[in-house]
Protein backbone atom coordinates (compact mmCIF):
# COMPACT_ATOMS: atom_id res chain seq x y z
CA MET A 1 84.02 95.38 77.08
CA ASP A 2 81.71 97.08 74.62
CA ASP A 3 82.38 100.54 73.14
CA LYS A 4 79.78 102.32 75.26
CA MET A 5 81.27 100.97 78.47
CA ALA A 6 84.80 101.74 77.25
CA GLN A 7 83.82 105.38 76.65
CA LYS A 8 82.44 105.64 80.19
CA LEU A 9 85.65 104.10 81.52
CA ILE A 10 87.75 106.69 79.70
CA LYS A 11 85.69 109.50 81.25
CA VAL A 12 86.08 108.02 84.74
CA VAL A 13 89.84 107.65 84.37
CA GLN A 14 90.22 111.18 83.00
CA HIS A 15 87.93 112.85 85.56
CA PRO A 16 87.17 110.47 88.44
CA GLU A 17 85.91 113.24 90.72
CA ASP A 18 83.10 114.09 88.26
CA SER A 19 81.90 110.54 87.80
CA PRO A 20 79.13 108.62 89.55
CA TYR A 21 81.37 105.57 89.11
CA SER A 22 84.33 106.92 91.05
CA GLU A 23 83.62 104.32 93.75
CA ALA A 24 84.97 101.66 91.39
CA VAL A 25 88.22 103.60 91.16
CA GLU A 26 88.44 104.01 94.94
CA LEU A 27 87.72 100.33 95.61
CA THR A 28 90.41 99.33 93.13
CA ARG A 29 92.90 101.71 94.77
CA THR A 30 92.07 100.20 98.14
CA TYR A 31 92.67 96.70 96.78
CA ALA A 32 95.90 97.77 95.09
CA GLY A 33 97.20 99.20 98.36
CA SER A 34 96.38 96.11 100.39
CA ALA A 35 99.04 93.66 101.47
CA GLY A 36 97.34 90.79 99.63
CA ALA A 37 97.07 92.53 96.27
CA GLN A 38 98.55 90.79 93.27
CA ALA A 39 99.88 93.24 90.70
CA SER A 40 98.62 91.20 87.77
CA ALA A 41 95.09 91.13 89.21
CA ILE A 42 94.65 94.89 89.66
CA PRO A 43 93.52 95.64 86.07
CA VAL A 44 91.10 92.70 86.16
CA VAL A 45 89.67 93.83 89.50
CA PHE A 46 89.20 97.35 88.16
CA GLU A 47 87.46 96.19 84.99
CA LYS A 48 85.11 93.91 86.92
CA MET A 49 84.32 96.58 89.50
CA PHE A 50 83.66 99.16 86.79
CA GLU A 51 81.37 96.78 84.90
CA LEU A 52 79.51 96.00 88.10
CA PHE A 53 78.93 99.70 88.81
CA ILE A 54 77.84 100.41 85.20
CA THR A 55 75.57 97.44 84.58
CA GLY A 56 74.57 96.42 88.09
CA ARG A 57 75.75 92.88 87.47
CA GLY A 58 79.02 91.00 87.14
CA GLN A 59 80.32 89.04 84.20
CA GLY A 60 78.63 85.80 83.97
């Protein structure tokens, strides 16, 4: 993750209600609360969702 994206991530985590990327947080929370969620995958899911919302594309 580059510095610019990391700074946006910090802002979202600190103030998710003020961010246009709060959907990434909500989708990750939904995944984390699901019966099939794997605890070790939650941070990876969040990072990938956040990157998708910021850049419009996934890692590739």
